[in-house]
Amino acid sequence: MRADSALVPIADCDRQSALIRCRHAAARRRPSSLCSAGIRTKGQLSAALLAVAREQQAKSWELRAAMSLARLLRDQGKGQTARGLLTPVYDWFTEGFNTQDLKEAKALLDDLAR
């Protein structure tokens, strides 16, 4: 393994840092911070976080982002879309089903199945 193979391009770091700041701003309900990063809705934020998690192959973060977006879609009356988004992420896992994240994902999938 080359020593530089673990390095992340600076542009990616900037994008990831912006998304992290946006997530924290959303948690603190500061919409002006979200707008300055070009993210105007919770859906855009969740989708952006999901994309970064997928790029990094960070399955736990992907699960969390998928749950966030699935909840939003469910609340908009798009339960089938939400289930279609969350199911493949949840199905990737083969262990750890006693963890809080996977328990919450399973409960959300059960709710979406009704």
PDB file of N, CA and C in Angstrom:
ATOM      1  N   MET A   1       0.845  -1.187   0.000  1.00  0.00           N
ATOM      2  CA  MET A   1       0.000   0.000   0.000  1.00  0.00           C
ATOM      3  C   MET A   1       0.884   1.241   0.000  1.00  0.00           C
ATOM      4  N   ARG A   2       0.622   2.127  -0.904  1.00  0.00           N
ATOM      5  CA  ARG A   2       1.399   3.364  -0.976  1.00  0.00           C
ATOM      6  C   ARG A   2       0.997   4.293   0.159  1.00  0.00           C
ATOM      7  N   ALA A   3       1.936   5.043   0.655  1.00  0.00           N
ATOM      8  CA  ALA A   3       1.685   5.949   1.771  1.00  0.00           C
ATOM      9  C   ALA A   3       0.689   7.034   1.399  1.00  0.00           C
ATOM     10  N   ASP A   4       0.683   7.466   0.130  1.00  0.00           N
ATOM     11  CA  ASP A   4      -0.210   8.558  -0.249  1.00  0.00           C
ATOM     12  C   ASP A   4      -1.595   8.077  -0.690  1.00  0.00           C
ATOM     13  N   SER A   5      -1.828   6.761  -0.689  1.00  0.00           N
ATOM     14  CA  SER A   5      -3.116   6.255  -1.160  1.00  0.00           C
ATOM     15  C   SER A   5      -4.260   6.587  -0.213  1.00  0.00           C
ATOM     16  N   ALA A   6      -3.939   6.911   1.023  1.00  0.00           N
ATOM     17  CA  ALA A   6      -4.982   7.254   1.992  1.00  0.00           C
ATOM     18  C   ALA A   6      -5.298   8.745   1.999  1.00  0.00           C
ATOM     19  N   LEU A   7      -4.574   9.512   1.223  1.00  0.00           N
ATOM     20  CA  LEU A   7      -4.805  10.951   1.201  1.00  0.00           C
ATOM     21  C   LEU A   7      -6.081  11.282   0.439  1.00  0.00           C
ATOM     22  N   VAL A   8      -6.792  12.258   0.919  1.00  0.00           N
ATOM     23  CA  VAL A   8      -8.029  12.715   0.292  1.00  0.00           C
ATOM     24  C   VAL A   8      -7.735  14.025  -0.414  1.00  0.00           C
ATOM     25  N   PRO A   9      -8.185  14.187  -1.661  1.00  0.00           N
ATOM     26  CA  PRO A   9      -7.959  15.455  -2.357  1.00  0.00           C
ATOM     27  C   PRO A   9      -8.508  16.637  -1.558  1.00  0.00           C
ATOM     28  N   ILE A  10      -7.818  17.760  -1.639  1.00  0.00           N
ATOM     29  CA  ILE A  10      -8.220  18.945  -0.876  1.00  0.00           C
ATOM     30  C   ILE A  10      -9.639  19.363  -1.213  1.00  0.00           C
ATOM     31  N   ALA A  11     -10.030  19.300  -2.466  1.00  0.00           N
ATOM     32  CA  ALA A  11     -11.393  19.693  -2.848  1.00  0.00           C
ATOM     33  C   ALA A  11     -12.415  18.830  -2.127  1.00  0.00           C
ATOM     34  N   ASP A  12     -12.137  17.529  -1.991  1.00  0.00           N
ATOM     35  CA  ASP A  12     -13.051  16.645  -1.282  1.00  0.00           C
ATOM     36  C   ASP A  12     -13.121  17.013   0.195  1.00  0.00           C
ATOM     37  N   CYS A  13     -11.984  17.367   0.777  1.00  0.00           N
ATOM     38  CA  CYS A  13     -11.967  17.780   2.185  1.00  0.00           C
ATOM     39  C   CYS A  13     -12.836  19.015   2.383  1.00  0.00           C
ATOM     40  N   ASP A  14     -12.703  19.974   1.472  1.00  0.00           N
ATOM     41  CA  ASP A  14     -13.502  21.193   1.577  1.00  0.00           C
ATOM     42  C   ASP A  14     -14.986  20.870   1.493  1.00  0.00           C
ATOM     43  N   ARG A  15     -15.353  20.001   0.567  1.00  0.00           N
ATOM     44  CA  ARG A  15     -16.760  19.625   0.399  1.00  0.00           C
ATOM     45  C   ARG A  15     -17.264  18.900   1.641  1.00  0.00           C
ATOM     46  N   GLN A  16     -16.473  17.962   2.138  1.00  0.00           N
ATOM     47  CA  GLN A  16     -16.868  17.202   3.323  1.00  0.00           C
ATOM     48  C   GLN A  16     -16.954  18.115   4.538  1.00  0.00           C
ATOM     49  N   SER A  17     -16.017  19.018   4.672  1.00  0.00           N
ATOM     50  CA  SER A  17     -16.050  19.961   5.790  1.00  0.00           C
ATOM     51  C   SER A  17     -17.300  20.835   5.717  1.00  0.00           C
ATOM     52  N   ALA A  18     -17.635  21.270   4.514  1.00  0.00           N
ATOM     53  CA  ALA A  18     -18.834  22.094   4.346  1.00  0.00           C
ATOM     54  C   ALA A  18     -20.080  21.309   4.732  1.00  0.00           C
ATOM     55  N   LEU A  19     -20.124  20.048   4.350  1.00  0.00           N
ATOM     56  CA  LEU A  19     -21.286  19.232   4.691  1.00  0.00           C
ATOM     57  C   LEU A  19     -21.386  18.999   6.196  1.00  0.00           C
ATOM     58  N   ILE A  20     -20.253  18.794   6.825  1.00  0.00           N
ATOM     59  CA  ILE A  20     -20.265  18.617   8.280  1.00  0.00           C
ATOM     60  C   ILE A  20     -20.749  19.893   8.948  1.00  0.00           C
ATOM     61  N   ARG A  21     -20.251  21.043   8.487  1.00  0.00           N
ATOM     62  CA  ARG A  21     -20.716  22.311   9.052  1.00  0.00           C
ATOM     63  C   ARG A  21     -22.214  22.491   8.818  1.00  0.00           C
ATOM     64  N   CYS A  22     -22.681  22.103   7.645  1.00  0.00           N
ATOM     65  CA  CYS A  22     -24.109  22.219   7.336  1.00  0.00           C
ATOM     66  C   CYS A  22     -24.933  21.331   8.258  1.00  0.00           C
ATOM     67  N   ARG A  23     -24.445  20.135   8.488  1.00  0.00           N
ATOM     68  CA  ARG A  23     -25.185  19.225   9.359  1.00  0.00           C
ATOM     69  C   ARG A  23     -25.296  19.811  10.765  1.00  0.00           C
ATOM     70  N   HIS A  24     -24.196  20.357  11.252  1.00  0.00           N
ATOM     71  CA  HIS A  24     -24.226  20.967  12.581  1.00  0.00           C
ATOM     72  C   HIS A  24     -25.132  22.199  12.598  1.00  0.00           C
ATOM     73  N   ALA A  25     -25.107  22.958  11.527  1.00  0.00           N
ATOM     74  CA  ALA A  25     -25.972  24.138  11.443  1.00  0.00           C
ATOM     75  C   ALA A  25     -27.436  23.712  11.442  1.00  0.00           C
ATOM     76  N   ALA A  26     -27.732  22.646  10.721  1.00  0.00           N
ATOM     77  CA  ALA A  26     -29.112  22.156  10.685  1.00  0.00           C
ATOM     78  C   ALA A  26     -29.544  21.684  12.063  1.00  0.00           C
ATOM     79  N   ALA A  27     -28.640  21.029  12.761  1.00  0.00           N
ATOM     80  CA  ALA A  27     -28.961  20.566  14.108  1.00  0.00           C
ATOM     81  C   ALA A  27     -29.238  21.741  15.036  1.00  0.00           C
ATOM     82  N   ARG A  28     -28.558  22.852  14.785  1.00  0.00           N
ATOM     83  CA  ARG A  28     -28.762  24.056  15.600  1.00  0.00           C
ATOM     84  C   ARG A  28     -29.836  24.963  14.985  1.00  0.00           C
ATOM     85  N   ARG A  29     -30.416  24.500  13.866  1.00  0.00           N
ATOM     86  CA  ARG A  29     -31.468  25.234  13.162  1.00  0.00           C
ATOM     87  C   ARG A  29     -31.013  26.636  12.760  1.00  0.00           C
ATOM     88  N   ARG A  30     -29.923  26.673  12.035  1.00  0.00           N
ATOM     89  CA  ARG A  30     -29.419  27.942  11.515  1.00  0.00           C
ATOM     90  C   ARG A  30     -29.473  27.913   9.990  1.00  0.00           C
ATOM     91  N   PRO A  31     -30.626  28.199   9.420  1.00  0.00           N
ATOM     92  CA  PRO A  31     -30.774  28.103   7.968  1.00  0.00           C
ATOM     93  C   PRO A  31     -29.819  28.994   7.189  1.00  0.00           C
ATOM     94  N   SER A  32     -29.398  30.119   7.735  1.00  0.00           N
ATOM     95  CA  SER A  32     -28.498  30.990   6.981  1.00  0.00           C
ATOM     96  C   SER A  32     -27.171  30.291   6.713  1.00  0.00           C
ATOM     97  N   SER A  33     -26.716  29.455   7.641  1.00  0.00           N
ATOM     98  CA  SER A  33     -25.475  28.705   7.434  1.00  0.00           C
ATOM     99  C   SER A  33     -25.647  27.683   6.322  1.00  0.00           C
ATOM    100  N   LEU A  34     -26.825  27.094   6.243  1.00  0.00           N
ATOM    101  CA  LEU A  34     -27.082  26.117   5.191  1.00  0.00           C
ATOM    102  C   LEU A  34     -27.089  26.795   3.826  1.00  0.00           C
ATOM    103  N   CYS A  35     -27.716  27.943   3.735  1.00  0.00           N
ATOM    104  CA  CYS A  35     -27.811  28.650   2.462  1.00  0.00           C
ATOM    105  C   CYS A  35     -26.438  29.073   1.957  1.00  0.00           C
ATOM    106  N   SER A  36     -25.552  29.453   2.859  1.00  0.00           N
ATOM    107  CA  SER A  36     -24.227  29.889   2.422  1.00  0.00           C
ATOM    108  C   SER A  36     -23.431  28.737   1.821  1.00  0.00           C
ATOM    109  N   ALA A  37     -23.801  27.510   2.138  1.00  0.00           N
ATOM    110  CA  ALA A  37     -23.130  26.347   1.559  1.00  0.00           C
ATOM    111  C   ALA A  37     -23.860  25.833   0.324  1.00  0.00           C
ATOM    112  N   GLY A  38     -24.907  26.530  -0.096  1.00  0.00           N
ATOM    113  CA  GLY A  38     -25.655  26.116  -1.278  1.00  0.00           C
ATOM    114  C   GLY A  38     -26.687  25.041  -0.992  1.00  0.00           C
ATOM    115  N   ILE A  39     -26.900  24.731   0.267  1.00  0.00           N
ATOM    116  CA  ILE A  39     -27.871  23.719   0.644  1.00  0.00           C
ATOM    117  C   ILE A  39     -29.056  24.439   1.264  1.00  0.00           C
ATOM    118  N   ARG A  40     -30.221  24.247   0.662  1.00  0.00           N
ATOM    119  CA  ARG A  40     -31.370  25.037   1.062  1.00  0.00           C
ATOM    120  C   ARG A  40     -32.431  24.236   1.827  1.00  0.00           C
ATOM    121  N   THR A  41     -32.379  22.919   1.740  1.00  0.00           N
ATOM    122  CA  THR A  41     -33.400  22.114   2.405  1.00  0.00           C
ATOM    123  C   THR A  41     -32.758  20.960   3.167  1.00  0.00           C
ATOM    124  N   LYS A  42     -33.511  20.399   4.091  1.00  0.00           N
ATOM    125  CA  LYS A  42     -33.041  19.215   4.811  1.00  0.00           C
ATOM    126  C   LYS A  42     -32.832  18.052   3.840  1.00  0.00           C
ATOM    127  N   GLY A  43     -33.683  17.982   2.835  1.00  0.00           N
ATOM    128  CA  GLY A  43     -33.549  16.919   1.838  1.00  0.00           C
ATOM    129  C   GLY A  43     -32.243  17.017   1.073  1.00  0.00           C
ATOM    130  N   GLN A  44     -31.864  18.232   0.698  1.00  0.00           N
ATOM    131  CA  GLN A  44     -30.591  18.428  -0.006  1.00  0.00           C
ATOM    132  C   GLN A  44     -29.423  18.061   0.897  1.00  0.00           C
ATOM    133  N   LEU A  45     -29.520  18.426   2.162  1.00  0.00           N
ATOM    134  CA  LEU A  45     -28.458  18.104   3.113  1.00  0.00           C
ATOM    135  C   LEU A  45     -28.340  16.601   3.281  1.00  0.00           C
ATOM    136  N   SER A  46     -29.451  15.927   3.489  1.00  0.00           N
ATOM    137  CA  SER A  46     -29.426  14.478   3.662  1.00  0.00           C
ATOM    138  C   SER A  46     -28.887  13.780   2.419  1.00  0.00           C
ATOM    139  N   ALA A  47     -29.310  14.241   1.252  1.00  0.00           N
ATOM    140  CA  ALA A  47     -28.835  13.641   0.003  1.00  0.00           C
ATOM    141  C   ALA A  47     -27.337  13.866  -0.184  1.00  0.00           C
ATOM    142  N   ALA A  48     -26.857  15.055   0.177  1.00  0.00           N
ATOM    143  CA  ALA A  48     -25.425  15.347   0.055  1.00  0.00           C
ATOM    144  C   ALA A  48     -24.613  14.495   1.023  1.00  0.00           C
ATOM    145  N   LEU A  49     -25.100  14.357   2.251  1.00  0.00           N
ATOM    146  CA  LEU A  49     -24.397  13.518   3.229  1.00  0.00           C
ATOM    147  C   LEU A  49     -24.391  12.063   2.789  1.00  0.00           C
ATOM    148  N   LEU A  50     -25.490  11.611   2.205  1.00  0.00           N
ATOM    149  CA  LEU A  50     -25.573  10.244   1.690  1.00  0.00           C
ATOM    150  C   LEU A  50     -24.559  10.027   0.573  1.00  0.00           C
ATOM    151  N   ALA A  51     -24.435  10.988  -0.314  1.00  0.00           N
ATOM    152  CA  ALA A  51     -23.480  10.882  -1.422  1.00  0.00           C
ATOM    153  C   ALA A  51     -22.042  10.801  -0.912  1.00  0.00           C
ATOM    154  N   VAL A  52     -21.711  11.618   0.070  1.00  0.00           N
ATOM    155  CA  VAL A  52     -20.352  11.595   0.622  1.00  0.00           C
ATOM    156  C   VAL A  52     -20.086  10.257   1.301  1.00  0.00           C
ATOM    157  N   ALA A  53     -21.047   9.766   2.072  1.00  0.00           N
ATOM    158  CA  ALA A  53     -20.873   8.473   2.739  1.00  0.00           C
ATOM    159  C   ALA A  53     -20.654   7.361   1.723  1.00  0.00           C
ATOM    160  N   ARG A  54     -21.396   7.414   0.627  1.00  0.00           N
ATOM    161  CA  ARG A  54     -21.229   6.386  -0.413  1.00  0.00           C
ATOM    162  C   ARG A  54     -19.863   6.500  -1.086  1.00  0.00           C
ATOM    163  N   GLU A  55     -19.439   7.720  -1.364  1.00  0.00           N
ATOM    164  CA  GLU A  55     -18.118   7.923  -1.971  1.00  0.00           C
ATOM    165  C   GLU A  55     -17.010   7.369  -1.086  1.00  0.00           C
ATOM    166  N   GLN A  56     -17.177   7.532   0.211  1.00  0.00           N
ATOM    167  CA  GLN A  56     -16.157   7.086   1.166  1.00  0.00           C
ATOM    168  C   GLN A  56     -16.349   5.625   1.558  1.00  0.00           C
ATOM    169  N   GLN A  57     -17.411   5.012   1.079  1.00  0.00           N
ATOM    170  CA  GLN A  57     -17.764   3.645   1.452  1.00  0.00           C
ATOM    171  C   GLN A  57     -17.865   3.506   2.971  1.00  0.00           C
ATOM    172  N   ALA A  58     -18.455   4.516   3.590  1.00  0.00           N
ATOM    173  CA  ALA A  58     -18.653   4.551   5.039  1.00  0.00           C
ATOM    174  C   ALA A  58     -20.079   4.083   5.321  1.00  0.00           C
ATOM    175  N   LYS A  59     -20.232   2.787   5.481  1.00  0.00           N
ATOM    176  CA  LYS A  59     -21.563   2.188   5.552  1.00  0.00           C
ATOM    177  C   LYS A  59     -22.380   2.658   6.756  1.00  0.00           C
ATOM    178  N   SER A  60     -21.763   2.864   7.888  1.00  0.00           N
ATOM    179  CA  SER A  60     -22.517   3.332   9.056  1.00  0.00           C
ATOM    180  C   SER A  60     -23.056   4.739   8.814  1.00  0.00           C
ATOM    181  N   TRP A  61     -22.222   5.596   8.239  1.00  0.00           N
ATOM    182  CA  TRP A  61     -22.672   6.959   7.917  1.00  0.00           C
ATOM    183  C   TRP A  61     -23.702   6.920   6.801  1.00  0.00           C
ATOM    184  N   GLU A  62     -23.541   6.004   5.859  1.00  0.00           N
ATOM    185  CA  GLU A  62     -24.522   5.870   4.788  1.00  0.00           C
ATOM    186  C   GLU A  62     -25.881   5.467   5.364  1.00  0.00           C
ATOM    187  N   LEU A  63     -25.849   4.554   6.333  1.00  0.00           N
ATOM    188  CA  LEU A  63     -27.093   4.125   6.974  1.00  0.00           C
ATOM    189  C   LEU A  63     -27.764   5.296   7.673  1.00  0.00           C
ATOM    190  N   ARG A  64     -27.007   6.068   8.407  1.00  0.00           N
ATOM    191  CA  ARG A  64     -27.578   7.215   9.121  1.00  0.00           C
ATOM    192  C   ARG A  64     -28.161   8.244   8.158  1.00  0.00           C
ATOM    193  N   ALA A  65     -27.431   8.532   7.094  1.00  0.00           N
ATOM    194  CA  ALA A  65     -27.918   9.508   6.105  1.00  0.00           C
ATOM    195  C   ALA A  65     -29.155   8.967   5.391  1.00  0.00           C
ATOM    196  N   ALA A  66     -29.146   7.676   5.075  1.00  0.00           N
ATOM    197  CA  ALA A  66     -30.301   7.068   4.406  1.00  0.00           C
ATOM    198  C   ALA A  66     -31.524   7.090   5.322  1.00  0.00           C
ATOM    199  N   MET A  67     -31.315   6.858   6.612  1.00  0.00           N
ATOM    200  CA  MET A  67     -32.439   6.923   7.552  1.00  0.00           C
ATOM    201  C   MET A  67     -33.004   8.340   7.619  1.00  0.00           C
ATOM    202  N   SER A  68     -32.125   9.312   7.651  1.00  0.00           N
ATOM    203  CA  SER A  68     -32.561  10.705   7.707  1.00  0.00           C
ATOM    204  C   SER A  68     -33.395  11.071   6.486  1.00  0.00           C
ATOM    205  N   LEU A  69     -32.891  10.705   5.319  1.00  0.00           N
ATOM    206  CA  LEU A  69     -33.612  11.008   4.084  1.00  0.00           C
ATOM    207  C   LEU A  69     -34.897  10.188   4.000  1.00  0.00           C
ATOM    208  N   ALA A  70     -34.864   8.947   4.450  1.00  0.00           N
ATOM    209  CA  ALA A  70     -36.066   8.101   4.426  1.00  0.00           C
ATOM    210  C   ALA A  70     -37.157   8.672   5.335  1.00  0.00           C
ATOM    211  N   ARG A  71     -36.775   9.180   6.494  1.00  0.00           N
ATOM    212  CA  ARG A  71     -37.764   9.803   7.391  1.00  0.00           C
ATOM    213  C   ARG A  71     -38.407  11.018   6.728  1.00  0.00           C
ATOM    214  N   LEU A  72     -37.574  11.811   6.078  1.00  0.00           N
ATOM    215  CA  LEU A  72     -38.076  12.996   5.394  1.00  0.00           C
ATOM    216  C   LEU A  72     -39.054  12.604   4.278  1.00  0.00           C
ATOM    217  N   LEU A  73     -38.671  11.608   3.498  1.00  0.00           N
ATOM    218  CA  LEU A  73     -39.545  11.137   2.422  1.00  0.00           C
ATOM    219  C   LEU A  73     -40.853  10.572   2.979  1.00  0.00           C
ATOM    220  N   ARG A  74     -40.752   9.807   4.071  1.00  0.00           N
ATOM    221  CA  ARG A  74     -41.959   9.272   4.712  1.00  0.00           C
ATOM    222  C   ARG A  74     -42.888  10.401   5.130  1.00  0.00           C
ATOM    223  N   ASP A  75     -42.323  11.423   5.729  1.00  0.00           N
ATOM    224  CA  ASP A  75     -43.126  12.555   6.199  1.00  0.00           C
ATOM    225  C   ASP A  75     -43.765  13.330   5.053  1.00  0.00           C
ATOM    226  N   GLN A  76     -43.203  13.183   3.857  1.00  0.00           N
ATOM    227  CA  GLN A  76     -43.764  13.831   2.666  1.00  0.00           C
ATOM    228  C   GLN A  76     -44.746  12.919   1.937  1.00  0.00           C
ATOM    229  N   GLY A  77     -45.034  11.755   2.542  1.00  0.00           N
ATOM    230  CA  GLY A  77     -45.971  10.815   1.934  1.00  0.00           C
ATOM    231  C   GLY A  77     -45.351   9.944   0.853  1.00  0.00           C
ATOM    232  N   LYS A  78     -44.030   9.841   0.848  1.00  0.00           N
ATOM    233  CA  LYS A  78     -43.322   9.051  -0.166  1.00  0.00           C
ATOM    234  C   LYS A  78     -42.695   7.819   0.481  1.00  0.00           C
ATOM    235  N   GLY A  79     -43.535   7.041   1.162  1.00  0.00           N
ATOM    236  CA  GLY A  79     -43.067   5.881   1.910  1.00  0.00           C
ATOM    237  C   GLY A  79     -42.390   4.825   1.056  1.00  0.00           C
ATOM    238  N   GLN A  80     -42.920   4.567  -0.102  1.00  0.00           N
ATOM    239  CA  GLN A  80     -42.330   3.540  -0.971  1.00  0.00           C
ATOM    240  C   GLN A  80     -40.941   3.966  -1.451  1.00  0.00           C
ATOM    241  N   THR A  81     -40.785   5.219  -1.780  1.00  0.00           N
ATOM    242  CA  THR A  81     -39.475   5.747  -2.178  1.00  0.00           C
ATOM    243  C   THR A  81     -38.499   5.644  -1.015  1.00  0.00           C
ATOM    244  N   ALA A  82     -38.984   5.973   0.181  1.00  0.00           N
ATOM    245  CA  ALA A  82     -38.150   5.897   1.378  1.00  0.00           C
ATOM    246  C   ALA A  82     -37.679   4.472   1.624  1.00  0.00           C
ATOM    247  N   ARG A  83     -38.601   3.537   1.499  1.00  0.00           N
ATOM    248  CA  ARG A  83     -38.254   2.117   1.704  1.00  0.00           C
ATOM    249  C   ARG A  83     -37.242   1.655   0.654  1.00  0.00           C
ATOM    250  N   GLY A  84     -37.446   2.077  -0.592  1.00  0.00           N
ATOM    251  CA  GLY A  84     -36.521   1.705  -1.665  1.00  0.00           C
ATOM    252  C   GLY A  84     -35.123   2.264  -1.455  1.00  0.00           C
ATOM    253  N   LEU A  85     -35.035   3.399  -0.802  1.00  0.00           N
ATOM    254  CA  LEU A  85     -33.740   4.015  -0.500  1.00  0.00           C
ATOM    255  C   LEU A  85     -33.034   3.298   0.647  1.00  0.00           C
ATOM    256  N   LEU A  86     -33.783   2.997   1.702  1.00  0.00           N
ATOM    257  CA  LEU A  86     -33.190   2.459   2.922  1.00  0.00           C
ATOM    258  C   LEU A  86     -32.919   0.957   2.864  1.00  0.00           C
ATOM    259  N   THR A  87     -33.761   0.205   2.186  1.00  0.00           N
ATOM    260  CA  THR A  87     -33.639  -1.256   2.184  1.00  0.00           C
ATOM    261  C   THR A  87     -32.267  -1.757   1.729  1.00  0.00           C
ATOM    262  N   PRO A  88     -31.732  -1.309   0.595  1.00  0.00           N
ATOM    263  CA  PRO A  88     -30.428  -1.860   0.183  1.00  0.00           C
ATOM    264  C   PRO A  88     -29.287  -1.509   1.136  1.00  0.00           C
ATOM    265  N   VAL A  89     -29.374  -0.359   1.765  1.00  0.00           N
ATOM    266  CA  VAL A  89     -28.330   0.018   2.722  1.00  0.00           C
ATOM    267  C   VAL A  89     -28.406  -0.901   3.936  1.00  0.00           C
ATOM    268  N   TYR A  90     -29.622  -1.101   4.451  1.00  0.00           N
ATOM    269  CA  TYR A  90     -29.814  -1.976   5.607  1.00  0.00           C
ATOM    270  C   TYR A  90     -29.407  -3.413   5.261  1.00  0.00           C
ATOM    271  N   ASP A  91     -29.786  -3.879   4.084  1.00  0.00           N
ATOM    272  CA  ASP A  91     -29.495  -5.257   3.676  1.00  0.00           C
ATOM    273  C   ASP A  91     -28.008  -5.526   3.502  1.00  0.00           C
ATOM    274  N   TRP A  92     -27.203  -4.495   3.340  1.00  0.00           N
ATOM    275  CA  TRP A  92     -25.758  -4.681   3.193  1.00  0.00           C
ATOM    276  C   TRP A  92     -25.153  -5.269   4.463  1.00  0.00           C
ATOM    277  N   PHE A  93     -25.704  -4.923   5.608  1.00  0.00           N
ATOM    278  CA  PHE A  93     -25.139  -5.350   6.890  1.00  0.00           C
ATOM    279  C   PHE A  93     -25.419  -6.820   7.138  1.00  0.00           C
ATOM    280  N   THR A  94     -24.416  -7.509   7.677  1.00  0.00           N
ATOM    281  CA  THR A  94     -24.554  -8.927   7.988  1.00  0.00           C
ATOM    282  C   THR A  94     -24.393  -9.209   9.479  1.00  0.00           C
ATOM    283  N   GLU A  95     -24.050  -8.184  10.228  1.00  0.00           N
ATOM    284  CA  GLU A  95     -23.899  -8.335  11.676  1.00  0.00           C
ATOM    285  C   GLU A  95     -24.122  -6.971  12.327  1.00  0.00           C
ATOM    286  N   GLY A  96     -24.141  -6.980  13.647  1.00  0.00           N
ATOM    287  CA  GLY A  96     -24.309  -5.729  14.374  1.00  0.00           C
ATOM    288  C   GLY A  96     -25.757  -5.303  14.526  1.00  0.00           C
ATOM    289  N   PHE A  97     -26.678  -6.246  14.388  1.00  0.00           N
ATOM    290  CA  PHE A  97     -28.094  -5.892  14.417  1.00  0.00           C
ATOM    291  C   PHE A  97     -28.581  -5.488  15.808  1.00  0.00           C
ATOM    292  N   ASN A  98     -27.741  -5.597  16.807  1.00  0.00           N
ATOM    293  CA  ASN A  98     -28.094  -5.124  18.148  1.00  0.00           C
ATOM    294  C   ASN A  98     -27.652  -3.691  18.381  1.00  0.00           C
ATOM    295  N   THR A  99     -26.999  -3.073  17.384  1.00  0.00           N
ATOM    296  CA  THR A  99     -26.581  -1.681  17.528  1.00  0.00           C
ATOM    297  C   THR A  99     -27.788  -0.764  17.369  1.00  0.00           C
ATOM    298  N   GLN A 100     -27.694   0.398  17.961  1.00  0.00           N
ATOM    299  CA  GLN A 100     -28.811   1.350  17.936  1.00  0.00           C
ATOM    300  C   GLN A 100     -29.177   1.768  16.509  1.00  0.00           C
ATOM    301  N   ASP A 101     -28.168   2.022  15.673  1.00  0.00           N
ATOM    302  CA  ASP A 101     -28.453   2.451  14.295  1.00  0.00           C
ATOM    303  C   ASP A 101     -29.242   1.401  13.527  1.00  0.00           C
ATOM    304  N   LEU A 102     -28.826   0.146  13.621  1.00  0.00           N
ATOM    305  CA  LEU A 102     -29.525  -0.900  12.877  1.00  0.00           C
ATOM    306  C   LEU A 102     -30.894  -1.198  13.474  1.00  0.00           C
ATOM    307  N   LYS A 103     -31.032  -1.066  14.777  1.00  0.00           N
ATOM    308  CA  LYS A 103     -32.358  -1.216  15.394  1.00  0.00           C
ATOM    309  C   LYS A 103     -33.306  -0.128  14.891  1.00  0.00           C
ATOM    310  N   GLU A 104     -32.804   1.112  14.827  1.00  0.00           N
ATOM    311  CA  GLU A 104     -33.629   2.218  14.335  1.00  0.00           C
ATOM    312  C   GLU A 104     -33.977   2.037  12.862  1.00  0.00           C
ATOM    313  N   ALA A 105     -33.016   1.567  12.079  1.00  0.00           N
ATOM    314  CA  ALA A 105     -33.269   1.342  10.650  1.00  0.00           C
ATOM    315  C   ALA A 105     -34.337   0.260  10.467  1.00  0.00           C
ATOM    316  N   LYS A 106     -34.249  -0.805  11.232  1.00  0.00           N
ATOM    317  CA  LYS A 106     -35.231  -1.892  11.143  1.00  0.00           C
ATOM    318  C   LYS A 106     -36.611  -1.374  11.534  1.00  0.00           C
ATOM    319  N   ALA A 107     -36.693  -0.604  12.605  1.00  0.00           N
ATOM    320  CA  ALA A 107     -37.974  -0.043  13.027  1.00  0.00           C
ATOM    321  C   ALA A 107     -38.559   0.874  11.958  1.00  0.00           C
ATOM    322  N   LEU A 108     -37.712   1.661  11.325  1.00  0.00           N
ATOM    323  CA  LEU A 108     -38.176   2.547  10.258  1.00  0.00           C
ATOM    324  C   LEU A 108     -38.657   1.741   9.061  1.00  0.00           C
ATOM    325  N   LEU A 109     -37.927   0.702   8.700  1.00  0.00           N
ATOM    326  CA  LEU A 109     -38.365  -0.155   7.589  1.00  0.00           C
ATOM    327  C   LEU A 109     -39.691  -0.835   7.914  1.00  0.00           C
ATOM    328  N   ASP A 110     -39.845  -1.294   9.150  1.00  0.00           N
ATOM    329  CA  ASP A 110     -41.118  -1.910   9.556  1.00  0.00           C
ATOM    330  C   ASP A 110     -42.254  -0.893   9.453  1.00  0.00           C
ATOM    331  N   ASP A 111     -41.994   0.331   9.873  1.00  0.00           N
ATOM    332  CA  ASP A 111     -42.992   1.392   9.783  1.00  0.00           C
ATOM    333  C   ASP A 111     -43.348   1.682   8.324  1.00  0.00           C
ATOM    334  N   LEU A 112     -42.359   1.672   7.462  1.00  0.00           N
ATOM    335  CA  LEU A 112     -42.587   1.952   6.038  1.00  0.00           C
ATOM    336  C   LEU A 112     -43.312   0.805   5.339  1.00  0.00           C
ATOM    337  N   ALA A 113     -43.232  -0.382   5.915  1.00  0.00           N
ATOM    338  CA  ALA A 113     -43.901  -1.549   5.302  1.00  0.00           C
ATOM    339  C   ALA A 113     -45.404  -1.531   5.551  1.00  0.00           C
ATOM    340  N   ARG A 114     -45.845  -0.754   6.520  1.00  0.00           N
ATOM    341  CA  ARG A 114     -47.296  -0.705   6.850  1.00  0.00           C
ATOM    342  C   ARG A 114     -48.068   0.142   5.891  1.00  0.00           C
TER     343      ARG A 114
END
